[in-house]
Each structure stands twice: as C-alpha cells, then as structure tokens.
Protein backbone atom coordinates (compact mmCIF):
# COMPACT_ATOMS: atom_id res chain seq x y z
CA MET A 1 27.41 35.25 -44.60
CA ASP A 2 24.21 34.99 -46.64
CA LEU A 3 22.52 31.97 -45.08
CA SER A 4 19.67 32.15 -47.58
CA LYS A 5 22.08 30.80 -50.20
CA ILE A 6 22.97 27.83 -48.02
CA ILE A 7 19.74 26.89 -46.25
CA SER A 8 16.64 25.27 -47.72
CA ASN A 9 13.47 24.02 -46.00
CA PRO A 10 14.36 25.61 -42.64
CA ASP A 11 11.05 24.54 -41.10
CA LYS A 12 11.61 20.82 -41.69
CA LEU A 13 11.29 18.89 -38.44
CA PHE A 14 14.60 17.27 -37.53
CA TYR A 15 13.63 16.14 -34.02
CA PRO A 16 9.83 15.67 -34.21
CA ALA A 17 9.20 14.72 -30.56
CA ASP A 18 11.02 17.83 -29.37
CA LEU A 19 9.81 20.23 -32.07
CA ILE A 20 13.39 20.96 -33.09
CA PHE A 21 13.55 22.13 -36.69
CA LYS A 22 16.33 22.21 -39.25
CA LYS A 23 16.70 25.94 -38.61
CA ASP A 24 17.31 25.20 -34.91
CA VAL A 25 20.05 22.69 -35.74
CA ILE A 26 21.63 25.14 -38.18
CA ALA A 27 21.46 27.90 -35.56
CA TYR A 28 23.17 25.61 -33.06
CA TYR A 29 26.06 24.84 -35.39
CA TYR A 30 26.29 28.48 -36.48
CA LEU A 31 26.71 29.62 -32.88
CA MET A 32 28.96 26.69 -31.85
CA ALA A 33 31.15 26.78 -34.97
CA ASP A 34 34.04 28.66 -33.37
CA HIS A 35 34.41 25.85 -30.84
CA ILE A 36 33.84 23.06 -33.37
CA LEU A 37 36.00 24.08 -36.31
CA PRO A 38 39.40 23.77 -34.57
CA TYR A 39 38.65 20.06 -34.04
CA ILE A 40 37.27 19.09 -37.44
CA SER A 41 39.04 21.40 -39.89
CA ASN A 42 41.22 19.59 -42.42
CA ARG A 43 39.87 16.17 -41.45
CA PRO A 44 38.12 13.82 -43.87
CA PHE A 45 34.43 14.09 -42.99
CA VAL A 46 31.87 11.30 -43.37
CA MET A 47 28.29 12.45 -43.84
CA ASN A 48 25.62 10.70 -41.81
CA ARG A 49 22.58 12.19 -43.48
CA PHE A 50 19.07 12.47 -42.06
CA PRO A 51 17.25 14.27 -44.91
CA ASP A 52 13.88 13.83 -43.20
CA GLY A 53 15.07 14.23 -39.62
CA ILE A 54 15.86 11.57 -37.06
CA ALA A 55 12.48 9.85 -37.51
CA GLY A 56 13.23 9.20 -41.18
CA LYS A 57 15.75 7.02 -42.95
CA SER A 58 19.43 7.89 -42.65
CA PHE A 59 22.47 6.90 -44.66
CA TYR A 60 26.23 7.32 -44.61
CA GLN A 61 27.94 9.03 -47.52
CA LYS A 62 31.69 9.33 -47.97
CA GLU A 63 31.88 10.78 -51.47
CA ILE A 64 31.42 14.53 -51.71
CA PRO A 65 28.30 15.33 -53.79
CA ALA A 66 28.92 16.53 -57.33
CA TYR A 67 26.81 19.61 -56.60
CA ALA A 68 28.83 20.63 -53.53
CA PRO A 69 29.96 24.27 -53.47
CA ASN A 70 33.58 25.32 -53.94
CA PHE A 71 33.92 26.35 -50.29
CA LEU A 72 33.60 22.69 -49.25
CA ASN A 73 37.10 21.23 -49.53
CA LYS A 74 37.77 17.84 -51.04
CA VAL A 75 40.21 15.17 -49.79
CA ALA A 76 41.02 12.26 -52.10
CA ILE A 77 41.82 9.02 -50.25
CA TRP A 78 42.67 5.66 -51.78
CA HIS A 79 40.58 2.69 -50.65
CA GLU A 80 42.45 -0.50 -51.39
CA LYS A 81 39.52 -2.84 -50.79
CA GLU A 82 37.33 -1.08 -53.37
CA LYS A 83 40.33 -0.22 -55.56
CA LYS A 84 39.22 3.37 -55.97
CA TRP A 85 39.74 6.93 -54.79
CA VAL A 86 37.07 8.44 -52.57
CA ASN A 87 36.71 12.21 -52.46
CA TYR A 88 35.74 13.04 -48.90
CA PRO A 89 34.46 16.47 -47.90
CA SER A 90 36.56 18.46 -45.46
CA VAL A 91 35.18 21.33 -43.41
CA ALA A 92 37.39 24.42 -43.27
CA ASN A 93 34.90 27.15 -42.42
CA LYS A 94 31.47 27.95 -41.09
CA GLU A 95 29.86 28.04 -44.54
CA ALA A 96 31.00 24.49 -45.26
CA LEU A 97 29.73 23.24 -41.90
CA LEU A 98 26.30 24.80 -42.38
CA TRP A 99 26.06 23.55 -45.95
CA LEU A 100 26.54 19.99 -44.70
CA VAL A 101 23.94 20.48 -41.97
CA ASN A 102 21.52 21.68 -44.64
CA GLN A 103 22.08 18.34 -46.40
CA GLY A 104 20.72 16.61 -43.31
CA VAL A 105 24.08 16.02 -41.63
CA ILE A 106 23.32 16.15 -37.91
CA GLU A 107 26.48 14.52 -36.54
CA LEU A 108 30.16 15.40 -36.92
CA HIS A 109 31.93 12.19 -38.01
CA CYS A 110 35.60 12.70 -38.86
CA TRP A 111 38.78 10.73 -39.38
CA LEU A 112 41.43 10.73 -36.66
CA SER A 113 43.98 12.24 -39.05
CA GLU A 114 44.35 15.57 -40.79
CA VAL A 115 45.39 16.78 -44.22
CA PRO A 116 48.11 16.41 -45.43
CA ARG A 117 49.15 13.50 -43.15
CA ILE A 118 46.09 11.36 -43.77
CA GLU A 119 47.90 8.10 -43.01
CA ASN A 120 49.24 9.36 -39.66
CA PRO A 121 46.58 9.86 -36.98
CA ASP A 122 47.01 12.75 -34.56
CA ILE A 123 44.41 11.40 -32.14
CA LEU A 124 44.24 8.08 -30.29
CA VAL A 125 40.79 7.17 -29.01
CA PHE A 126 39.35 4.89 -26.37
CA ASP A 127 35.62 4.33 -26.83
CA LEU A 128 33.96 3.05 -23.64
CA ASP A 129 30.55 1.60 -24.35
CA PRO A 130 28.36 0.25 -21.51
CA GLU A 131 26.31 -2.79 -22.39
CA PRO A 132 22.89 -3.31 -20.72
CA PRO A 133 22.05 -3.23 -17.93
CA LEU A 134 25.04 -0.90 -17.42
CA SER A 135 24.85 2.84 -18.04
CA PHE A 136 27.09 5.87 -18.51
CA GLN A 137 27.95 5.95 -14.81
CA ASP A 138 29.58 2.53 -15.12
CA CYS A 139 32.01 3.98 -17.67
CA LEU A 140 33.35 6.60 -15.27
CA PRO A 141 35.51 4.38 -13.01
CA VAL A 142 36.82 2.62 -16.12
CA ALA A 143 37.79 5.98 -17.61
CA LEU A 144 39.67 6.81 -14.42
CA LEU A 145 41.60 3.54 -14.73
CA PHE A 146 42.61 4.47 -18.26
CA ARG A 147 43.76 7.87 -17.12
CA GLU A 148 45.76 6.43 -14.23
CA VAL A 149 47.70 4.11 -16.53
CA LEU A 150 48.14 6.75 -19.23
CA LEU A 151 49.55 9.23 -16.73
CA LYS A 152 52.04 6.64 -15.50
CA LEU A 153 53.13 6.20 -19.10
CA GLY A 154 53.47 9.94 -19.58
CA LEU A 155 50.30 10.55 -21.60
CA GLU A 156 47.10 12.45 -20.89
CA ALA A 157 43.57 11.78 -22.11
CA TRP A 158 40.66 14.17 -22.59
CA PRO A 159 37.19 12.88 -21.67
CA LYS A 160 33.84 13.65 -23.27
CA THR A 161 30.39 12.16 -23.39
CA SER A 162 29.62 10.28 -26.57
CA GLY A 163 26.23 11.96 -26.60
CA LYS A 164 24.67 8.55 -26.12
CA GLU A 165 25.47 6.23 -23.19
CA GLY A 166 29.19 5.93 -23.74
CA LEU A 167 32.30 7.90 -22.92
CA HIS A 168 35.16 8.84 -25.23
CA LEU A 169 38.79 9.46 -24.33
CA PHE A 170 40.88 11.40 -26.86
CA VAL A 171 44.67 11.38 -26.60
CA PRO A 172 46.46 13.93 -28.83
CA ILE A 173 49.44 12.16 -30.38
CA GLU A 174 52.38 12.91 -32.64
CA PRO A 175 51.30 12.19 -36.23
CA LYS A 176 54.21 9.92 -37.04
CA TYR A 177 52.66 6.46 -36.72
CA GLY A 178 50.31 4.63 -39.05
CA PHE A 179 46.81 3.40 -38.24
CA LYS A 180 48.02 -0.14 -37.59
CA ASP A 181 50.39 1.17 -34.94
CA THR A 182 47.80 3.37 -33.25
CA THR A 183 45.28 0.54 -33.25
CA ARG A 184 47.86 -1.76 -31.68
CA ALA A 185 48.71 0.89 -29.08
CA ALA A 186 45.03 1.22 -28.17
CA PHE A 187 44.61 -2.55 -28.05
CA ASN A 188 47.63 -2.96 -25.77
CA LEU A 189 46.16 -0.63 -23.16
CA CYS A 190 42.64 -2.05 -23.48
CA ARG A 191 44.04 -5.55 -23.03
CA LEU A 192 45.91 -4.43 -19.92
CA ILE A 193 42.73 -2.99 -18.42
CA PHE A 194 40.82 -6.14 -19.37
CA LYS A 195 43.37 -8.44 -17.74
CA ALA A 196 43.16 -6.43 -14.53
CA TYR A 197 39.36 -6.17 -14.44
CA PRO A 198 37.79 -8.93 -16.60
CA GLU A 199 34.63 -8.78 -14.50
CA LYS A 200 34.07 -5.11 -15.43
CA VAL A 201 35.20 -4.72 -19.03
CA THR A 202 35.29 -6.73 -22.24
CA LEU A 203 37.03 -6.80 -25.60
CA GLU A 204 34.39 -9.17 -26.97
CA ARG A 205 33.25 -8.15 -30.46
CA VAL A 206 30.08 -10.26 -30.39
CA ILE A 207 27.46 -7.92 -28.92
CA LYS A 208 25.40 -10.58 -27.14
CA LYS A 209 28.51 -11.70 -25.25
CA ARG A 210 29.17 -8.23 -23.79
CA THR A 211 26.14 -8.09 -21.49
CA GLY A 212 26.77 -6.35 -18.19
CA LYS A 213 30.23 -5.07 -19.05
CA VAL A 214 31.86 -1.97 -20.51
CA TYR A 215 33.05 -2.68 -24.04
CA LEU A 216 36.50 -1.24 -24.82
CA ASP A 217 36.34 -0.45 -28.52
CA TYR A 218 39.94 -0.01 -29.61
CA LEU A 219 39.00 -0.73 -33.23
CA GLN A 220 37.76 2.84 -33.62
CA ASN A 221 41.41 3.61 -34.31
CA THR A 222 41.57 1.59 -37.52
CA ARG A 223 41.97 3.29 -40.89
CA GLY A 224 38.72 4.59 -42.30
CA ARG A 225 36.85 4.60 -39.00
CA THR A 226 35.44 7.89 -37.77
CA MET A 227 34.62 9.33 -34.38
CA VAL A 228 32.02 11.82 -33.27
CA PHE A 229 33.87 15.01 -32.41
CA PRO A 230 33.24 17.52 -29.59
CA TYR A 231 29.95 19.42 -29.61
CA SER A 232 28.37 17.15 -32.19
CA LEU A 233 24.63 16.67 -31.87
CA ARG A 234 23.37 13.09 -31.82
CA PRO A 235 20.23 11.79 -33.57
CA LEU A 236 18.37 10.97 -30.36
CA PRO A 237 15.46 12.57 -28.50
CA LYS A 238 16.29 15.95 -26.90
CA ALA A 239 19.22 16.38 -29.36
CA PRO A 240 22.04 15.43 -26.96
CA VAL A 241 25.51 16.93 -27.41
CA SER A 242 28.84 15.09 -27.25
CA THR A 243 30.28 17.20 -24.45
CA PRO A 244 33.84 17.71 -23.15
CA LEU A 245 34.17 16.93 -19.44
CA LEU A 246 36.43 17.82 -16.55
CA TRP A 247 38.29 14.92 -14.97
CA GLU A 248 36.95 16.19 -11.66
CA GLU A 249 33.43 15.55 -12.95
CA VAL A 250 34.37 12.04 -14.04
CA ALA A 251 35.84 11.32 -10.60
CA LYS A 252 32.82 12.72 -8.81
CA GLY A 253 30.53 10.45 -10.82
CA GLU A 254 27.45 12.64 -10.66
CA ILE A 255 27.16 13.70 -14.29
CA SER A 256 24.74 12.32 -16.85
CA PRO A 257 24.95 12.67 -20.64
CA ALA A 258 21.26 13.57 -20.61
CA GLU A 259 22.21 16.88 -18.99
CA PHE A 260 23.82 18.15 -22.18
CA ASN A 261 21.63 18.87 -25.17
CA ILE A 262 20.99 21.49 -27.82
CA LYS A 263 19.15 23.71 -25.34
CA THR A 264 21.19 23.25 -22.16
CA ILE A 265 24.76 23.20 -23.49
CA TRP A 266 24.99 26.99 -23.65
CA LYS A 267 24.95 27.40 -19.89
CA ARG A 268 27.90 25.03 -19.61
CA VAL A 269 29.87 26.71 -22.39
CA LYS A 270 29.24 30.10 -20.78
CA LYS A 271 30.56 28.76 -17.46
CA TYR A 272 33.60 26.82 -18.69
CA GLY A 273 34.25 27.94 -22.23
CA ASP A 274 35.69 25.18 -24.38
CA LEU A 275 37.24 22.65 -21.99
CA TRP A 276 39.24 21.10 -24.82
CA SER A 277 40.70 24.31 -26.24
CA ASN A 278 44.22 23.15 -25.33
CA LEU A 279 43.79 19.63 -26.70
CA HIS A 280 46.61 19.89 -29.21
CA ARG A 281 48.91 22.09 -27.17
CA ARG A 282 50.87 18.94 -26.41
CA ARG A 283 51.02 15.82 -28.56
CA TYR A 284 52.23 12.55 -27.06
CA ASP A 285 54.39 9.75 -28.39
CA ILE A 286 52.58 6.39 -28.26
CA LYS A 287 55.82 4.44 -27.94
CA PRO A 288 55.10 3.53 -24.27
CA LEU A 289 51.79 2.01 -25.37
CA LEU A 290 53.39 0.08 -28.19
CA GLU A 291 55.85 -1.40 -25.70
CA LEU A 292 53.16 -2.66 -23.32
CA ILE A 293 53.11 -6.43 -22.94
C-alpha cells in the first residue's frame, strides 16, 4: 500500500494537548485495521470530520464526497423525510479506512445493518449513559442487570466502553426484523429495567431531567442512527478508545475508560487479542424481547 497517495498533511495536530498528529491517528488505524474491519465492513458509514483536529470545528457528513477514490464503496439509501437518495461511504478495506481518516474522520460511526440487508439490523444496542454526578462505574451494575435478563431470555450481550463515560452493549441478532421492531425490542427491555430500578435509571429524553441517573438510550436502534464501533478513537483528550470488555471486568467494577487510549490499548490487545472476535458466531432472535410486557 502506497500511503503517500492517501495521506496529506501528516504533521497536522489532531490532538493538540497530547501532541498527537494526523500521522499518529493514521498509524493507529493502520495497525488496528485487522481488528476493526470485520465490524465495519459493508456498513453505511457516517463521517464525523475534524479537518483541523479536535480543537477545531467538526461536522457530520453522510454523502460520499464526489472526489472519493474508487476503493471507497458507495451505499445508496433512500431517506423518506428528505425525499432523496443518500450515497453513504462503506469501508471494505484498509485503504478506504485510511482515506477517511485522512479526511479528518477520527471516529468510526456506522449503521447497525449491513449491505445488502440495509433495512434489517444485525446488531441490537443498549447505550448506557451516566448523567452527572454519575460516572462510568455507575453503568457497570446496570450493564450486569441487562445481561442477567438477556441471558434468561436466551440472548447474550457484548460490553465495551463508549470511549467517553458511557458503556455500550451489542447484541448480535438475526437480520430479519426492521428498525421499528429492533427499537421496540430495545425499548421493552429498557422499560423493564426502569420499572425495576427507577431510582437508578431513566428513559427521560429531556437531558436536565436525567440528573443522577443512568440514561438508557434505546433510540440508538432507530433507522439512520449510528453507533461508535469497537476500537474507534474518540475526539477527547488522550485519544480514548472504545474498548471491548470482559464481563468479568464489568462485574469486578475496577475498570475505567480512561485506561484505554491510543497509546495504552496495544498492551491490552497483546494480552487478550480481540475480545469480540466471535461476536457474530451466533446471532439471536429478538422475539423474546418483542414479547416482553
């Protein structure tokens, strides 16, 4: 691979406070690509671009640029509200990933469905977001509650840090339901958890009304929403990484998302490999969740 044809301005500061340059971010994704690509390949990709690094202005872009190279795949998706087709990029190889990073794309935001079954998600997500004064540690017992119920229903979830303060649970599912069904399935379980522990969690969409609780964001499952995928960097100081976790670590409660960043993640990967490598070995039917009352 001739990176000189893909990369421009390698010495641009992407994380000024940490002296992390564009070339460092590109090197990270180059080395981590073998772990990343199995998760994001063939998914519609939304670009969150930071052309001047995280200290500059950022913007979301769905439409693939007209000047994009041929090795960046294109996925046309109809948007009813705007009454138009949007041509999303889709990352199939390392060259495509690095080209996007060179455009200032620091995070990996993808749909929960794959080509060709765009309207049928193959991942169900539960996004646990602690509201001040809570922190990541307050999400851990909530995540364990989710897992306990899911296991009783015959499903398994895979935990990871969001890379910020939250925690994500991914459930690999059979791609035979639409987004409305998967959103309803996620809502049903979140509602069950809320009814059992209203003092700990909330479904409240008004931010100022969530104070002191863990917000259960089931709406991340709706059509057109994206999630940050495993090993994505986040646009925060120290360049944190959205990191797959062991359930044993969640239960122990001693981990912190601050432990995992662009410089420290390699020790963990060397020790454990990719903890999510078997994510899609088994896909679950969400019927038990749809039947929850």
